[in-house]
Amino acid sequence: MSYPHFLFADIRYRDSVIGMRPHEESHKIFIDIEPNTGTPIRGAKRAQFNIFSRSVRSIPPTQNLRTALVPILWIEEAINLPSEFVEELSDRLLSSLRLVDIFVPVIIAFCCLILLLGVILTIRAKYFITGTNPK
């Protein structure tokens, strides 16, 4: 088993079979994942099944066979999520992240207001307890 067209294999395997022209973009295994949700957007699994051919002395028709690794089957399983689904995914799942972008500054402002109010009340309480004018 190997990558299609003997991609990433030793050059001697490619040279032993006519027509092997590996292209990394067309023959590699990959997956693209949406980083916020972990949803696969597109990807491909590709594999080539090979047999080892050689001559066998006791079988005369095989005397002219070269010793080589010969591809017999190439399979590919791929996914490419349509743009409509990507947009729906973005609208439904990522809209809550947009709300977080809005709420974070609001929560920070609210916490600053609470802190300021606490400082004012502390100073005021100290003034009333001690009966002195803070300067």
N, C-alpha and C. Protein backbone atom coordinates (compact mmCIF):
# COMPACT_ATOMS: atom_id res chain seq x y z
N MET A 1 0.85 -1.16 0.00
CA MET A 1 0.00 0.00 0.00
C MET A 1 0.90 1.23 0.00
N SER A 2 0.49 2.27 -0.74
CA SER A 2 1.28 3.50 -0.82
C SER A 2 0.35 4.65 -1.18
N TYR A 3 0.93 5.84 -1.24
CA TYR A 3 0.19 6.97 -1.79
C TYR A 3 0.03 6.74 -3.30
N PRO A 4 -0.98 7.33 -3.93
CA PRO A 4 -1.14 7.18 -5.38
C PRO A 4 0.09 7.67 -6.13
N HIS A 5 0.39 6.99 -7.22
CA HIS A 5 1.52 7.30 -8.11
C HIS A 5 2.85 7.25 -7.35
N PHE A 6 2.89 6.49 -6.25
CA PHE A 6 4.08 6.34 -5.43
C PHE A 6 4.59 7.68 -4.90
N LEU A 7 3.68 8.58 -4.56
CA LEU A 7 4.04 9.87 -3.97
C LEU A 7 4.83 9.61 -2.68
N PHE A 8 5.91 10.32 -2.47
CA PHE A 8 6.81 10.21 -1.32
C PHE A 8 7.57 8.89 -1.26
N ALA A 9 7.43 8.04 -2.26
CA ALA A 9 8.17 6.76 -2.29
C ALA A 9 9.53 6.98 -2.96
N ASP A 10 10.38 5.99 -2.80
CA ASP A 10 11.67 6.03 -3.46
C ASP A 10 11.47 6.10 -4.97
N ILE A 11 12.32 6.84 -5.64
CA ILE A 11 12.17 7.07 -7.09
C ILE A 11 12.25 5.77 -7.89
N ARG A 12 12.90 4.75 -7.37
CA ARG A 12 13.02 3.50 -8.12
C ARG A 12 11.66 2.83 -8.32
N TYR A 13 10.72 3.04 -7.36
CA TYR A 13 9.39 2.46 -7.53
C TYR A 13 8.62 3.17 -8.65
N ARG A 14 8.75 4.49 -8.70
CA ARG A 14 8.08 5.25 -9.77
C ARG A 14 8.67 4.92 -11.14
N ASP A 15 9.97 4.78 -11.19
CA ASP A 15 10.63 4.50 -12.47
C ASP A 15 10.36 3.09 -12.98
N SER A 16 9.96 2.19 -12.10
CA SER A 16 9.72 0.81 -12.52
C SER A 16 8.37 0.64 -13.21
N VAL A 17 7.49 1.64 -13.15
CA VAL A 17 6.17 1.56 -13.76
C VAL A 17 5.99 2.78 -14.66
N ILE A 18 5.57 2.55 -15.90
CA ILE A 18 5.35 3.64 -16.85
C ILE A 18 4.09 4.41 -16.45
N GLY A 19 4.17 5.75 -16.50
CA GLY A 19 2.99 6.58 -16.26
C GLY A 19 2.85 7.12 -14.85
N MET A 20 3.81 6.85 -13.99
CA MET A 20 3.72 7.36 -12.61
C MET A 20 4.20 8.81 -12.58
N ARG A 21 3.27 9.72 -12.33
CA ARG A 21 3.58 11.15 -12.23
C ARG A 21 2.91 11.71 -10.97
N PRO A 22 3.56 11.58 -9.82
CA PRO A 22 2.93 12.04 -8.57
C PRO A 22 2.88 13.56 -8.48
N HIS A 23 1.74 14.06 -8.02
CA HIS A 23 1.53 15.48 -7.74
C HIS A 23 1.01 15.56 -6.31
N GLU A 24 1.71 16.29 -5.48
CA GLU A 24 1.37 16.31 -4.06
C GLU A 24 -0.05 16.78 -3.82
N GLU A 25 -0.51 17.82 -4.50
CA GLU A 25 -1.87 18.34 -4.28
C GLU A 25 -2.94 17.34 -4.70
N SER A 26 -2.67 16.53 -5.68
CA SER A 26 -3.67 15.57 -6.19
C SER A 26 -3.62 14.22 -5.49
N HIS A 27 -2.50 13.89 -4.85
CA HIS A 27 -2.33 12.53 -4.34
C HIS A 27 -2.08 12.42 -2.84
N LYS A 28 -2.03 13.53 -2.12
CA LYS A 28 -1.76 13.45 -0.68
C LYS A 28 -3.06 13.28 0.12
N ILE A 29 -2.90 12.91 1.38
CA ILE A 29 -4.03 12.80 2.31
C ILE A 29 -4.07 14.11 3.09
N PHE A 30 -5.26 14.72 3.21
CA PHE A 30 -5.36 15.98 3.94
C PHE A 30 -6.76 16.16 4.51
N ILE A 31 -6.88 17.09 5.47
CA ILE A 31 -8.17 17.48 6.01
C ILE A 31 -8.08 18.94 6.44
N ASP A 32 -9.07 19.73 6.06
CA ASP A 32 -9.18 21.13 6.49
C ASP A 32 -10.30 21.20 7.51
N ILE A 33 -9.99 21.73 8.69
CA ILE A 33 -10.95 21.77 9.79
C ILE A 33 -11.25 23.22 10.16
N GLU A 34 -12.52 23.53 10.36
CA GLU A 34 -12.93 24.85 10.83
C GLU A 34 -12.44 24.97 12.27
N PRO A 35 -11.60 25.98 12.58
CA PRO A 35 -10.92 26.01 13.87
C PRO A 35 -11.83 26.25 15.09
N ASN A 36 -12.95 26.94 14.93
CA ASN A 36 -13.79 27.25 16.08
C ASN A 36 -14.68 26.08 16.49
N THR A 37 -15.13 25.29 15.53
CA THR A 37 -16.07 24.21 15.83
C THR A 37 -15.47 22.83 15.66
N GLY A 38 -14.34 22.72 14.97
CA GLY A 38 -13.73 21.42 14.72
C GLY A 38 -14.43 20.64 13.62
N THR A 39 -15.26 21.31 12.84
CA THR A 39 -16.00 20.66 11.75
C THR A 39 -15.10 20.50 10.52
N PRO A 40 -15.03 19.29 9.96
CA PRO A 40 -14.25 19.13 8.72
C PRO A 40 -14.93 19.85 7.56
N ILE A 41 -14.20 20.71 6.90
CA ILE A 41 -14.73 21.47 5.76
C ILE A 41 -14.45 20.73 4.45
N ARG A 42 -13.22 20.23 4.31
CA ARG A 42 -12.88 19.41 3.15
C ARG A 42 -11.71 18.51 3.50
N GLY A 43 -11.60 17.44 2.77
CA GLY A 43 -10.51 16.50 3.03
C GLY A 43 -10.53 15.37 2.03
N ALA A 44 -9.46 14.58 2.03
CA ALA A 44 -9.37 13.44 1.12
C ALA A 44 -8.45 12.38 1.71
N LYS A 45 -8.88 11.11 1.57
CA LYS A 45 -8.04 9.95 1.91
C LYS A 45 -7.77 9.25 0.58
N ARG A 46 -6.52 9.00 0.32
CA ARG A 46 -6.14 8.37 -0.95
C ARG A 46 -5.14 7.26 -0.66
N ALA A 47 -5.33 6.14 -1.33
CA ALA A 47 -4.41 5.02 -1.15
C ALA A 47 -4.30 4.23 -2.44
N GLN A 48 -3.15 3.67 -2.66
CA GLN A 48 -2.89 2.84 -3.83
C GLN A 48 -2.44 1.47 -3.33
N PHE A 49 -3.10 0.44 -3.84
CA PHE A 49 -2.74 -0.94 -3.48
C PHE A 49 -1.84 -1.48 -4.58
N ASN A 50 -0.77 -2.12 -4.18
CA ASN A 50 0.25 -2.59 -5.13
C ASN A 50 0.50 -4.08 -4.93
N ILE A 51 1.00 -4.69 -5.98
CA ILE A 51 1.47 -6.07 -5.87
C ILE A 51 2.93 -6.11 -6.32
N PHE A 52 3.64 -7.05 -5.79
CA PHE A 52 5.03 -7.23 -6.16
C PHE A 52 5.08 -8.26 -7.28
N SER A 53 5.60 -7.85 -8.44
CA SER A 53 5.70 -8.80 -9.56
C SER A 53 7.16 -9.17 -9.79
N ARG A 54 7.36 -10.43 -10.13
CA ARG A 54 8.70 -10.93 -10.44
C ARG A 54 8.54 -12.23 -11.22
N SER A 55 9.59 -12.62 -11.85
CA SER A 55 9.53 -13.88 -12.59
C SER A 55 9.67 -15.06 -11.61
N VAL A 56 8.98 -16.14 -11.96
CA VAL A 56 9.04 -17.36 -11.15
C VAL A 56 9.57 -18.46 -12.07
N ARG A 57 10.66 -19.10 -11.70
CA ARG A 57 11.31 -20.08 -12.56
C ARG A 57 10.39 -21.22 -12.96
N SER A 58 9.54 -21.64 -12.05
CA SER A 58 8.70 -22.81 -12.36
C SER A 58 7.46 -22.45 -13.19
N ILE A 59 7.23 -21.16 -13.46
CA ILE A 59 6.08 -20.74 -14.28
C ILE A 59 6.64 -20.02 -15.51
N PRO A 60 6.69 -20.70 -16.65
CA PRO A 60 7.32 -20.13 -17.86
C PRO A 60 6.71 -18.81 -18.33
N PRO A 61 5.39 -18.57 -18.27
CA PRO A 61 4.87 -17.28 -18.75
C PRO A 61 5.37 -16.06 -17.96
N THR A 62 5.93 -16.29 -16.78
CA THR A 62 6.40 -15.16 -15.97
C THR A 62 7.87 -14.82 -16.21
N GLN A 63 8.52 -15.53 -17.15
CA GLN A 63 9.95 -15.34 -17.36
C GLN A 63 10.30 -13.93 -17.84
N ASN A 64 9.37 -13.26 -18.53
CA ASN A 64 9.65 -11.92 -19.06
C ASN A 64 9.22 -10.80 -18.11
N LEU A 65 8.71 -11.15 -16.95
CA LEU A 65 8.29 -10.12 -15.99
C LEU A 65 9.50 -9.45 -15.35
N ARG A 66 9.40 -8.13 -15.22
CA ARG A 66 10.43 -7.39 -14.49
C ARG A 66 10.08 -7.43 -13.00
N THR A 67 11.07 -7.34 -12.17
CA THR A 67 10.82 -7.23 -10.74
C THR A 67 10.40 -5.79 -10.46
N ALA A 68 9.17 -5.64 -9.98
CA ALA A 68 8.64 -4.28 -9.74
C ALA A 68 7.45 -4.34 -8.79
N LEU A 69 7.19 -3.19 -8.20
CA LEU A 69 5.99 -3.01 -7.40
C LEU A 69 4.96 -2.37 -8.33
N VAL A 70 3.87 -3.09 -8.61
CA VAL A 70 2.91 -2.67 -9.63
C VAL A 70 1.59 -2.26 -8.98
N PRO A 71 1.10 -1.05 -9.30
CA PRO A 71 -0.19 -0.63 -8.75
C PRO A 71 -1.33 -1.44 -9.37
N ILE A 72 -2.27 -1.85 -8.53
CA ILE A 72 -3.43 -2.57 -9.07
C ILE A 72 -4.74 -1.80 -8.80
N LEU A 73 -4.74 -0.95 -7.77
CA LEU A 73 -5.98 -0.26 -7.41
C LEU A 73 -5.64 1.02 -6.67
N TRP A 74 -6.36 2.09 -7.02
CA TRP A 74 -6.20 3.37 -6.34
C TRP A 74 -7.58 3.79 -5.89
N ILE A 75 -7.73 4.07 -4.60
CA ILE A 75 -9.04 4.50 -4.09
C ILE A 75 -8.90 5.88 -3.47
N GLU A 76 -10.00 6.63 -3.53
CA GLU A 76 -10.03 7.97 -2.95
C GLU A 76 -11.39 8.20 -2.32
N GLU A 77 -11.38 8.71 -1.12
CA GLU A 77 -12.60 9.09 -0.42
C GLU A 77 -12.42 10.56 -0.04
N ALA A 78 -13.34 11.41 -0.48
CA ALA A 78 -13.16 12.85 -0.25
C ALA A 78 -14.46 13.49 0.21
N ILE A 79 -14.30 14.63 0.89
CA ILE A 79 -15.43 15.44 1.32
C ILE A 79 -15.11 16.88 0.99
N ASN A 80 -16.11 17.58 0.49
CA ASN A 80 -15.98 19.00 0.24
C ASN A 80 -17.32 19.62 0.64
N LEU A 81 -17.37 20.19 1.84
CA LEU A 81 -18.61 20.74 2.36
C LEU A 81 -19.04 21.91 1.47
N PRO A 82 -20.29 21.87 0.94
CA PRO A 82 -20.76 22.97 0.08
C PRO A 82 -20.77 24.31 0.83
N SER A 83 -20.61 25.38 0.09
CA SER A 83 -20.52 26.71 0.70
C SER A 83 -21.78 27.08 1.47
N GLU A 84 -22.95 26.54 1.06
CA GLU A 84 -24.19 26.83 1.79
C GLU A 84 -24.10 26.30 3.22
N PHE A 85 -23.53 25.09 3.38
CA PHE A 85 -23.39 24.50 4.70
C PHE A 85 -22.36 25.25 5.54
N VAL A 86 -21.31 25.73 4.89
CA VAL A 86 -20.29 26.49 5.61
C VAL A 86 -20.90 27.80 6.12
N GLU A 87 -21.71 28.45 5.28
CA GLU A 87 -22.38 29.69 5.70
C GLU A 87 -23.37 29.42 6.83
N GLU A 88 -24.13 28.31 6.73
CA GLU A 88 -25.08 27.97 7.79
C GLU A 88 -24.34 27.65 9.09
N LEU A 89 -23.25 26.94 8.99
CA LEU A 89 -22.43 26.64 10.15
C LEU A 89 -21.95 27.94 10.79
N SER A 90 -21.50 28.85 9.96
CA SER A 90 -21.02 30.13 10.47
C SER A 90 -22.15 30.91 11.14
N ASP A 91 -23.31 30.93 10.51
CA ASP A 91 -24.44 31.69 11.06
C ASP A 91 -24.94 31.09 12.37
N ARG A 92 -25.13 29.79 12.41
CA ARG A 92 -25.72 29.15 13.59
C ARG A 92 -24.75 28.99 14.75
N LEU A 93 -23.56 28.50 14.48
CA LEU A 93 -22.65 28.16 15.56
C LEU A 93 -21.75 29.31 15.98
N LEU A 94 -21.42 30.16 15.06
CA LEU A 94 -20.48 31.23 15.38
C LEU A 94 -21.17 32.51 15.80
N SER A 95 -22.51 32.58 15.69
CA SER A 95 -23.22 33.79 16.11
C SER A 95 -23.07 34.00 17.61
N SER A 96 -23.00 32.93 18.38
CA SER A 96 -22.80 33.07 19.82
C SER A 96 -21.43 33.66 20.14
N LEU A 97 -20.43 33.38 19.30
CA LEU A 97 -19.12 33.98 19.51
C LEU A 97 -19.15 35.48 19.24
N ARG A 98 -20.00 35.91 18.32
CA ARG A 98 -20.15 37.34 18.07
C ARG A 98 -20.76 38.03 19.28
N LEU A 99 -21.68 37.35 19.98
CA LEU A 99 -22.26 37.91 21.20
C LEU A 99 -21.20 38.09 22.27
N VAL A 100 -20.27 37.17 22.35
CA VAL A 100 -19.18 37.28 23.32
C VAL A 100 -18.37 38.54 23.02
N ASP A 101 -18.14 38.83 21.75
CA ASP A 101 -17.40 40.04 21.38
C ASP A 101 -18.11 41.29 21.86
N ILE A 102 -19.43 41.25 21.92
CA ILE A 102 -20.21 42.40 22.39
C ILE A 102 -20.21 42.46 23.91
N PHE A 103 -20.39 41.32 24.57
CA PHE A 103 -20.54 41.30 26.02
C PHE A 103 -19.25 41.55 26.78
N VAL A 104 -18.12 41.22 26.24
CA VAL A 104 -16.86 41.39 26.96
C VAL A 104 -16.63 42.86 27.32
N PRO A 105 -16.73 43.82 26.39
CA PRO A 105 -16.55 45.23 26.80
C PRO A 105 -17.61 45.70 27.80
N VAL A 106 -18.84 45.19 27.64
CA VAL A 106 -19.90 45.58 28.58
C VAL A 106 -19.58 45.08 29.98
N ILE A 107 -19.13 43.84 30.09
CA ILE A 107 -18.80 43.27 31.40
C ILE A 107 -17.60 43.99 32.01
N ILE A 108 -16.61 44.33 31.21
CA ILE A 108 -15.44 45.07 31.71
C ILE A 108 -15.88 46.44 32.24
N ALA A 109 -16.73 47.13 31.49
CA ALA A 109 -17.23 48.45 31.93
C ALA A 109 -18.02 48.30 33.22
N PHE A 110 -18.85 47.27 33.33
CA PHE A 110 -19.64 47.05 34.53
C PHE A 110 -18.73 46.78 35.74
N CYS A 111 -17.70 45.97 35.56
CA CYS A 111 -16.77 45.68 36.65
C CYS A 111 -16.01 46.93 37.08
N CYS A 112 -15.62 47.76 36.12
CA CYS A 112 -14.95 49.03 36.47
C CYS A 112 -15.88 49.93 37.27
N LEU A 113 -17.15 49.97 36.89
CA LEU A 113 -18.14 50.77 37.61
C LEU A 113 -18.30 50.26 39.04
N ILE A 114 -18.38 48.95 39.22
CA ILE A 114 -18.50 48.34 40.56
C ILE A 114 -17.25 48.68 41.39
N LEU A 115 -16.07 48.60 40.78
CA LEU A 115 -14.83 48.92 41.47
C LEU A 115 -14.81 50.38 41.91
N LEU A 116 -15.19 51.28 41.02
CA LEU A 116 -15.24 52.70 41.34
C LEU A 116 -16.24 52.97 42.46
N LEU A 117 -17.39 52.35 42.39
CA LEU A 117 -18.41 52.49 43.43
C LEU A 117 -17.87 51.98 44.77
N GLY A 118 -17.15 50.86 44.76
CA GLY A 118 -16.56 50.32 45.98
C GLY A 118 -15.54 51.26 46.59
N VAL A 119 -14.71 51.88 45.76
CA VAL A 119 -13.70 52.83 46.25
C VAL A 119 -14.40 54.04 46.87
N ILE A 120 -15.41 54.55 46.19
CA ILE A 120 -16.15 55.72 46.71
C ILE A 120 -16.82 55.39 48.04
N LEU A 121 -17.47 54.23 48.13
CA LEU A 121 -18.13 53.85 49.38
C LEU A 121 -17.13 53.61 50.50
N THR A 122 -15.97 53.08 50.20
CA THR A 122 -14.93 52.87 51.20
C THR A 122 -14.43 54.19 51.75
N ILE A 123 -14.16 55.13 50.87
CA ILE A 123 -13.70 56.46 51.31
C ILE A 123 -14.79 57.15 52.12
N ARG A 124 -16.00 57.08 51.68
CA ARG A 124 -17.13 57.71 52.39
C ARG A 124 -17.33 57.08 53.78
N ALA A 125 -17.24 55.72 53.83
CA ALA A 125 -17.40 55.04 55.11
C ALA A 125 -16.28 55.43 56.07
N LYS A 126 -15.08 55.54 55.58
CA LYS A 126 -13.95 55.93 56.43
C LYS A 126 -14.16 57.34 56.96
N TYR A 127 -14.68 58.22 56.15
CA TYR A 127 -14.93 59.61 56.55
C TYR A 127 -15.99 59.66 57.64
N PHE A 128 -17.08 58.88 57.51
CA PHE A 128 -18.15 58.90 58.51
C PHE A 128 -17.74 58.19 59.79
N ILE A 129 -16.90 57.14 59.71
CA ILE A 129 -16.50 56.39 60.91
C ILE A 129 -15.52 57.22 61.74
N THR A 130 -14.55 57.80 61.11
CA THR A 130 -13.54 58.55 61.85
C THR A 130 -14.00 59.97 62.15
N GLY A 131 -14.92 60.48 61.37
CA GLY A 131 -15.43 61.82 61.57
C GLY A 131 -14.45 62.89 61.14
N THR A 132 -13.43 62.50 60.38
CA THR A 132 -12.48 63.49 59.88
C THR A 132 -12.70 63.71 58.40
N ASN A 133 -12.20 64.79 57.94
CA ASN A 133 -12.32 65.12 56.53
C ASN A 133 -11.10 64.56 55.79
N PRO A 134 -11.30 63.58 54.89
CA PRO A 134 -10.14 63.00 54.18
C PRO A 134 -9.52 63.99 53.21
N LYS A 135 -8.22 64.19 53.35
CA LYS A 135 -7.52 65.11 52.44
C LYS A 135 -6.31 64.45 51.86
